[in-house]
Amino acid sequence: MTDPNMPPPERVVVAEPTHTTVNVQPQKSGGGGVAAFLVIGLVVVVAIIAFVLLNGNGNPIEDAADTNVAVDVNLPDLPDAPTLPEAPSLPQVEPPTLPSPAPAE
């Protein structure tokens, strides 16, 4: 057993070298692909509309068939609606007045 009044023997501690790895993530761009997709889509839609309107084939509506059709429908006669009673007359009401004395201006 060791004497408690004696300092402990010196210990040799070997320090291990430490390594720190830092992973830096690249910043993500904020939706540039989605915006480009929407812009290209709108350009395509405008191009299709321009082609349909300006293709030079004439107005397709003028070549449409005649749509004047006479329609006769026999509807049954409905009974007369009941008459409503007259609204009651309201009593005369005086407008509100300011209390006396009048408030300061």
C-alpha atoms as a PDB file:
ATOM      1  CA  MET A   1       0.000   0.000   0.000  1.00  0.00           C
ATOM      2  CA  THR A   2       1.172   3.519  -0.696  1.00  0.00           C
ATOM      3  CA  ASP A   3       1.675   6.225   1.811  1.00  0.00           C
ATOM      4  CA  PRO A   4      -1.222   8.734   1.635  1.00  0.00           C
ATOM      5  CA  ASN A   5       1.113  11.592   2.543  1.00  0.00           C
ATOM      6  CA  MET A   6       3.285  11.077  -0.491  1.00  0.00           C
ATOM      7  CA  PRO A   7       2.428  12.737  -3.816  1.00  0.00           C
ATOM      8  CA  PRO A   8       1.428  10.325  -6.533  1.00  0.00           C
ATOM      9  CA  PRO A   9       4.069   9.326  -9.042  1.00  0.00           C
ATOM     10  CA  GLU A  10       4.145  11.343 -12.238  1.00  0.00           C
ATOM     11  CA  ARG A  11       2.286   9.794 -15.085  1.00  0.00           C
ATOM     12  CA  VAL A  12       3.296  10.317 -18.632  1.00  0.00           C
ATOM     13  CA  VAL A  13       0.236  11.117 -20.719  1.00  0.00           C
ATOM     14  CA  VAL A  14       0.631  10.870 -24.453  1.00  0.00           C
ATOM     15  CA  ALA A  15      -1.631  13.341 -26.192  1.00  0.00           C
ATOM     16  CA  GLU A  16      -3.212  12.023 -29.356  1.00  0.00           C
ATOM     17  CA  PRO A  17      -3.280  14.536 -32.182  1.00  0.00           C
ATOM     18  CA  THR A  18      -6.846  15.661 -32.921  1.00  0.00           C
ATOM     19  CA  HIS A  19      -8.240  16.167 -36.400  1.00  0.00           C
ATOM     20  CA  THR A  20     -11.205  18.357 -37.227  1.00  0.00           C
ATOM     21  CA  THR A  21     -13.078  17.796 -40.449  1.00  0.00           C
ATOM     22  CA  VAL A  22     -15.217  20.658 -41.711  1.00  0.00           C
ATOM     23  CA  ASN A  23     -17.757  19.800 -44.391  1.00  0.00           C
ATOM     24  CA  VAL A  24     -18.844  22.905 -46.277  1.00  0.00           C
ATOM     25  CA  GLN A  25     -22.061  22.368 -48.210  1.00  0.00           C
ATOM     26  CA  PRO A  26     -22.570  24.389 -51.388  1.00  0.00           C
ATOM     27  CA  GLN A  27     -25.382  26.907 -51.179  1.00  0.00           C
ATOM     28  CA  LYS A  28     -28.525  25.903 -52.986  1.00  0.00           C
ATOM     29  CA  SER A  29     -29.905  28.277 -55.558  1.00  0.00           C
ATOM     30  CA  GLY A  30     -33.417  29.400 -54.739  1.00  0.00           C
ATOM     31  CA  GLY A  31     -35.741  27.863 -57.321  1.00  0.00           C
ATOM     32  CA  GLY A  32     -34.092  28.996 -60.530  1.00  0.00           C
ATOM     33  CA  GLY A  33     -35.135  25.792 -62.270  1.00  0.00           C
ATOM     34  CA  VAL A  34     -38.785  26.219 -61.350  1.00  0.00           C
ATOM     35  CA  ALA A  35     -38.832  29.829 -62.509  1.00  0.00           C
ATOM     36  CA  ALA A  36     -37.213  28.876 -65.824  1.00  0.00           C
ATOM     37  CA  PHE A  37     -39.745  26.074 -66.308  1.00  0.00           C
ATOM     38  CA  LEU A  38     -42.652  28.480 -65.735  1.00  0.00           C
ATOM     39  CA  VAL A  39     -41.240  31.121 -68.080  1.00  0.00           C
ATOM     40  CA  ILE A  40     -40.630  28.579 -70.850  1.00  0.00           C
ATOM     41  CA  GLY A  41     -44.131  27.181 -70.340  1.00  0.00           C
ATOM     42  CA  LEU A  42     -45.680  30.635 -70.666  1.00  0.00           C
ATOM     43  CA  VAL A  43     -43.672  31.334 -73.831  1.00  0.00           C
ATOM     44  CA  VAL A  44     -44.904  28.059 -75.354  1.00  0.00           C
ATOM     45  CA  VAL A  45     -48.536  28.859 -74.485  1.00  0.00           C
ATOM     46  CA  VAL A  46     -48.249  32.351 -76.011  1.00  0.00           C
ATOM     47  CA  ALA A  47     -46.643  30.867 -79.144  1.00  0.00           C
ATOM     48  CA  ILE A  48     -49.494  28.347 -79.532  1.00  0.00           C
ATOM     49  CA  ILE A  49     -52.137  31.066 -79.113  1.00  0.00           C
ATOM     50  CA  ALA A  50     -50.351  33.315 -81.630  1.00  0.00           C
ATOM     51  CA  PHE A  51     -50.143  30.459 -84.137  1.00  0.00           C
ATOM     52  CA  VAL A  52     -53.839  29.657 -83.810  1.00  0.00           C
ATOM     53  CA  LEU A  53     -54.904  33.286 -84.169  1.00  0.00           C
ATOM     54  CA  LEU A  54     -52.487  34.305 -86.908  1.00  0.00           C
ATOM     55  CA  ASN A  55     -52.212  31.178 -89.064  1.00  0.00           C
ATOM     56  CA  GLY A  56     -54.114  32.767 -91.973  1.00  0.00           C
ATOM     57  CA  ASN A  57     -56.688  30.007 -92.516  1.00  0.00           C
ATOM     58  CA  GLY A  58     -59.563  32.410 -92.054  1.00  0.00           C
ATOM     59  CA  ASN A  59     -62.035  32.537 -89.260  1.00  0.00           C
ATOM     60  CA  PRO A  60     -63.137  29.011 -88.315  1.00  0.00           C
ATOM     61  CA  ILE A  61     -66.266  30.416 -86.690  1.00  0.00           C
ATOM     62  CA  GLU A  62     -67.594  31.630 -90.043  1.00  0.00           C
ATOM     63  CA  ASP A  63     -67.591  28.056 -91.340  1.00  0.00           C
ATOM     64  CA  ALA A  64     -69.624  26.774 -88.397  1.00  0.00           C
ATOM     65  CA  ALA A  65     -73.071  25.298 -88.939  1.00  0.00           C
ATOM     66  CA  ASP A  66     -76.210  27.370 -88.464  1.00  0.00           C
ATOM     67  CA  THR A  67     -77.174  27.425 -84.803  1.00  0.00           C
ATOM     68  CA  ASN A  68     -80.590  29.105 -85.081  1.00  0.00           C
ATOM     69  CA  VAL A  69     -82.861  26.469 -83.580  1.00  0.00           C
ATOM     70  CA  ALA A  70     -86.471  26.967 -82.527  1.00  0.00           C
ATOM     71  CA  VAL A  71     -87.241  25.283 -79.224  1.00  0.00           C
ATOM     72  CA  ASP A  72     -90.816  24.996 -77.974  1.00  0.00           C
ATOM     73  CA  VAL A  73     -91.328  23.617 -74.469  1.00  0.00           C
ATOM     74  CA  ASN A  74     -94.758  23.106 -72.940  1.00  0.00           C
ATOM     75  CA  LEU A  75     -94.476  24.044 -69.283  1.00  0.00           C
ATOM     76  CA  PRO A  76     -97.254  23.271 -66.804  1.00  0.00           C
ATOM     77  CA  ASP A  77     -99.185  26.169 -65.275  1.00  0.00           C
ATOM     78  CA  LEU A  78     -98.218  26.812 -61.679  1.00  0.00           C
ATOM     79  CA  PRO A  79    -100.760  27.757 -59.040  1.00  0.00           C
ATOM     80  CA  ASP A  80    -100.853  31.377 -57.931  1.00  0.00           C
ATOM     81  CA  ALA A  81     -98.633  32.205 -54.982  1.00  0.00           C
ATOM     82  CA  PRO A  82    -100.481  33.136 -51.790  1.00  0.00           C
ATOM     83  CA  THR A  83    -100.767  36.842 -51.049  1.00  0.00           C
ATOM     84  CA  LEU A  84     -98.700  38.172 -48.180  1.00  0.00           C
ATOM     85  CA  PRO A  85    -100.303  40.112 -45.364  1.00  0.00           C
ATOM     86  CA  GLU A  86     -99.657  43.825 -45.208  1.00  0.00           C
ATOM     87  CA  ALA A  87     -96.739  44.939 -43.063  1.00  0.00           C
ATOM     88  CA  PRO A  88     -97.747  46.423 -39.708  1.00  0.00           C
ATOM     89  CA  SER A  89     -97.409  50.184 -39.309  1.00  0.00           C
ATOM     90  CA  LEU A  90     -94.613  51.263 -36.999  1.00  0.00           C
ATOM     91  CA  PRO A  91     -95.135  53.790 -34.204  1.00  0.00           C
ATOM     92  CA  GLN A  92     -93.665  57.267 -34.526  1.00  0.00           C
ATOM     93  CA  VAL A  93     -90.311  57.522 -32.763  1.00  0.00           C
ATOM     94  CA  GLU A  94     -88.705  60.785 -31.688  1.00  0.00           C
ATOM     95  CA  PRO A  95     -85.016  61.160 -32.595  1.00  0.00           C
ATOM     96  CA  PRO A  96     -82.582  61.111 -29.665  1.00  0.00           C
ATOM     97  CA  THR A  97     -81.670  64.409 -28.067  1.00  0.00           C
ATOM     98  CA  LEU A  98     -78.499  65.573 -26.361  1.00  0.00           C
ATOM     99  CA  PRO A  99     -78.514  65.565 -22.578  1.00  0.00           C
ATOM    100  CA  SER A 100     -78.474  68.873 -20.830  1.00  0.00           C
ATOM    101  CA  PRO A 101     -75.928  70.529 -20.303  1.00  0.00           C
ATOM    102  CA  ALA A 102     -74.373  70.129 -23.705  1.00  0.00           C
ATOM    103  CA  PRO A 103     -70.832  68.722 -23.910  1.00  0.00           C
ATOM    104  CA  ALA A 104     -67.961  71.217 -24.162  1.00  0.00           C
ATOM    105  CA  GLU A 105     -66.760  72.116 -27.601  1.00  0.00           C
END
